[in-house]
Amino acid sequence: MGTTEKIRIAQWCVGRALRSLGLVEEALSKQLSLKHELESADEKDGFVFEEIGECLLLLDRSEEARPYFSKAYKILSEDPWLSEQEPERLARLKMLGK
């Protein structure tokens, strides 16, 4: 049991774990479902966009991944903690989003 936000975080974690296990198609499916759920609630999540981009990149679909990396960068670069603690990650998102 949990809030909608906690459930979404758990779903994201499952998708992220699937990618780590090499089950990239399954991971992409989970993240796309989560993206659609967020869109239905008129919400966006940079981490979801980042994961979709990573999955597409692994599937050799870099052109399709580009707008997801761009969206991820736009949202995540506004997070002060990420900007301070993970500048390389943000720089990579920016580069992949171009």
C-alpha atoms as a PDB file:
ATOM      1  CA  MET A   1       0.000   0.000   0.000  1.00  0.00           C
ATOM      2  CA  GLY A   2       1.211   3.440  -0.741  1.00  0.00           C
ATOM      3  CA  THR A   3       0.567   6.740  -2.318  1.00  0.00           C
ATOM      4  CA  THR A   4       0.357   7.134  -6.069  1.00  0.00           C
ATOM      5  CA  GLU A   5       3.821   8.678  -6.031  1.00  0.00           C
ATOM      6  CA  LYS A   6       5.317   5.739  -4.113  1.00  0.00           C
ATOM      7  CA  ILE A   7       3.684   3.273  -6.493  1.00  0.00           C
ATOM      8  CA  ARG A   8       5.100   5.141  -9.486  1.00  0.00           C
ATOM      9  CA  ILE A   9       8.558   5.135  -7.931  1.00  0.00           C
ATOM     10  CA  ALA A  10       8.278   1.376  -7.389  1.00  0.00           C
ATOM     11  CA  GLN A  11       7.205   0.889 -11.025  1.00  0.00           C
ATOM     12  CA  TRP A  12      10.163   2.979 -12.177  1.00  0.00           C
ATOM     13  CA  CYS A  13      12.490   0.853 -10.021  1.00  0.00           C
ATOM     14  CA  VAL A  14      11.169  -2.356 -11.573  1.00  0.00           C
ATOM     15  CA  GLY A  15      11.770  -0.953 -15.046  1.00  0.00           C
ATOM     16  CA  ARG A  16      15.262   0.197 -14.081  1.00  0.00           C
ATOM     17  CA  ALA A  17      16.068  -3.228 -12.640  1.00  0.00           C
ATOM     18  CA  LEU A  18      14.852  -4.922 -15.812  1.00  0.00           C
ATOM     19  CA  ARG A  19      17.221  -2.787 -17.870  1.00  0.00           C
ATOM     20  CA  SER A  20      20.090  -3.716 -15.555  1.00  0.00           C
ATOM     21  CA  LEU A  21      19.221  -7.367 -16.070  1.00  0.00           C
ATOM     22  CA  GLY A  22      19.401  -6.935 -19.843  1.00  0.00           C
ATOM     23  CA  LEU A  23      15.639  -7.186 -20.324  1.00  0.00           C
ATOM     24  CA  VAL A  24      15.579  -3.935 -22.228  1.00  0.00           C
ATOM     25  CA  GLU A  25      12.344  -4.444 -24.196  1.00  0.00           C
ATOM     26  CA  GLU A  26      10.492  -5.248 -20.968  1.00  0.00           C
ATOM     27  CA  ALA A  27      12.099  -2.280 -19.229  1.00  0.00           C
ATOM     28  CA  LEU A  28      11.081   0.024 -22.055  1.00  0.00           C
ATOM     29  CA  SER A  29       7.520  -1.256 -21.914  1.00  0.00           C
ATOM     30  CA  LYS A  30       7.330  -0.559 -18.159  1.00  0.00           C
ATOM     31  CA  GLN A  31       8.727   2.952 -18.533  1.00  0.00           C
ATOM     32  CA  LEU A  32       6.435   3.783 -21.464  1.00  0.00           C
ATOM     33  CA  SER A  33       3.430   2.615 -19.441  1.00  0.00           C
ATOM     34  CA  LEU A  34       4.541   4.835 -16.601  1.00  0.00           C
ATOM     35  CA  LYS A  35       5.000   7.764 -19.002  1.00  0.00           C
ATOM     36  CA  HIS A  36       1.436   7.312 -20.286  1.00  0.00           C
ATOM     37  CA  GLU A  37       0.104   7.144 -16.737  1.00  0.00           C
ATOM     38  CA  LEU A  38       1.933  10.357 -15.857  1.00  0.00           C
ATOM     39  CA  GLU A  39       0.659  12.071 -19.008  1.00  0.00           C
ATOM     40  CA  SER A  40      -2.898  11.085 -18.078  1.00  0.00           C
ATOM     41  CA  ALA A  41      -2.361  12.875 -14.775  1.00  0.00           C
ATOM     42  CA  ASP A  42      -0.805  15.858 -16.612  1.00  0.00           C
ATOM     43  CA  GLU A  43       2.564  15.147 -14.954  1.00  0.00           C
ATOM     44  CA  LYS A  44       6.121  14.657 -16.199  1.00  0.00           C
ATOM     45  CA  ASP A  45       9.080  12.879 -14.672  1.00  0.00           C
ATOM     46  CA  GLY A  46      12.625  13.448 -15.864  1.00  0.00           C
ATOM     47  CA  PHE A  47      13.800  10.112 -14.505  1.00  0.00           C
ATOM     48  CA  VAL A  48      11.195   8.281 -16.586  1.00  0.00           C
ATOM     49  CA  PHE A  49      12.285  10.183 -19.704  1.00  0.00           C
ATOM     50  CA  GLU A  50      15.907   9.349 -18.914  1.00  0.00           C
ATOM     51  CA  GLU A  51      15.145   5.639 -18.576  1.00  0.00           C
ATOM     52  CA  ILE A  52      13.160   5.560 -21.813  1.00  0.00           C
ATOM     53  CA  GLY A  53      16.097   7.207 -23.549  1.00  0.00           C
ATOM     54  CA  GLU A  54      18.560   4.726 -22.045  1.00  0.00           C
ATOM     55  CA  CYS A  55      16.432   1.781 -23.155  1.00  0.00           C
ATOM     56  CA  LEU A  56      16.061   3.132 -26.688  1.00  0.00           C
ATOM     57  CA  LEU A  57      19.802   3.789 -26.857  1.00  0.00           C
ATOM     58  CA  LEU A  58      20.525   0.177 -25.891  1.00  0.00           C
ATOM     59  CA  LEU A  59      18.113  -0.958 -28.602  1.00  0.00           C
ATOM     60  CA  ASP A  60      20.086   1.047 -31.214  1.00  0.00           C
ATOM     61  CA  ARG A  61      17.247   3.551 -31.570  1.00  0.00           C
ATOM     62  CA  SER A  62      19.302   6.650 -30.798  1.00  0.00           C
ATOM     63  CA  GLU A  63      17.268   9.026 -32.964  1.00  0.00           C
ATOM     64  CA  GLU A  64      14.125   7.978 -31.147  1.00  0.00           C
ATOM     65  CA  ALA A  65      15.942   8.342 -27.808  1.00  0.00           C
ATOM     66  CA  ARG A  66      17.088  11.921 -28.459  1.00  0.00           C
ATOM     67  CA  PRO A  67      13.851  13.747 -27.517  1.00  0.00           C
ATOM     68  CA  TYR A  68      13.570  11.710 -24.305  1.00  0.00           C
ATOM     69  CA  PHE A  69      17.092  12.682 -23.269  1.00  0.00           C
ATOM     70  CA  SER A  70      16.290  16.289 -24.100  1.00  0.00           C
ATOM     71  CA  LYS A  71      13.144  16.216 -21.947  1.00  0.00           C
ATOM     72  CA  ALA A  72      15.036  14.487 -19.150  1.00  0.00           C
ATOM     73  CA  TYR A  73      17.752  17.129 -19.232  1.00  0.00           C
ATOM     74  CA  LYS A  74      15.254  19.983 -19.211  1.00  0.00           C
ATOM     75  CA  ILE A  75      13.521  18.662 -16.092  1.00  0.00           C
ATOM     76  CA  LEU A  76      16.449  17.162 -14.195  1.00  0.00           C
ATOM     77  CA  SER A  77      18.787  20.120 -14.740  1.00  0.00           C
ATOM     78  CA  GLU A  78      16.402  22.175 -12.598  1.00  0.00           C
ATOM     79  CA  ASP A  79      17.074  19.899  -9.612  1.00  0.00           C
ATOM     80  CA  PRO A  80      19.700  21.641  -7.436  1.00  0.00           C
ATOM     81  CA  TRP A  81      20.897  18.374  -5.884  1.00  0.00           C
ATOM     82  CA  LEU A  82      21.478  16.711  -9.256  1.00  0.00           C
ATOM     83  CA  SER A  83      23.159  19.831 -10.598  1.00  0.00           C
ATOM     84  CA  GLU A  84      25.584  19.809  -7.697  1.00  0.00           C
ATOM     85  CA  GLN A  85      26.074  16.071  -7.214  1.00  0.00           C
ATOM     86  CA  GLU A  86      25.807  14.657 -10.744  1.00  0.00           C
ATOM     87  CA  PRO A  87      26.960  17.270 -13.264  1.00  0.00           C
ATOM     88  CA  GLU A  88      28.454  14.582 -15.529  1.00  0.00           C
ATOM     89  CA  ARG A  89      25.111  12.809 -15.717  1.00  0.00           C
ATOM     90  CA  LEU A  90      23.370  16.037 -16.671  1.00  0.00           C
ATOM     91  CA  ALA A  91      26.060  16.850 -19.246  1.00  0.00           C
ATOM     92  CA  ARG A  92      25.559  13.411 -20.794  1.00  0.00           C
ATOM     93  CA  LEU A  93      21.789  13.919 -20.958  1.00  0.00           C
ATOM     94  CA  LYS A  94      22.310  17.295 -22.608  1.00  0.00           C
ATOM     95  CA  MET A  95      24.696  15.827 -25.176  1.00  0.00           C
ATOM     96  CA  LEU A  96      22.435  12.847 -25.966  1.00  0.00           C
ATOM     97  CA  GLY A  97      19.459  15.178 -26.280  1.00  0.00           C
ATOM     98  CA  LYS A  98      21.043  17.199 -29.084  1.00  0.00           C
END
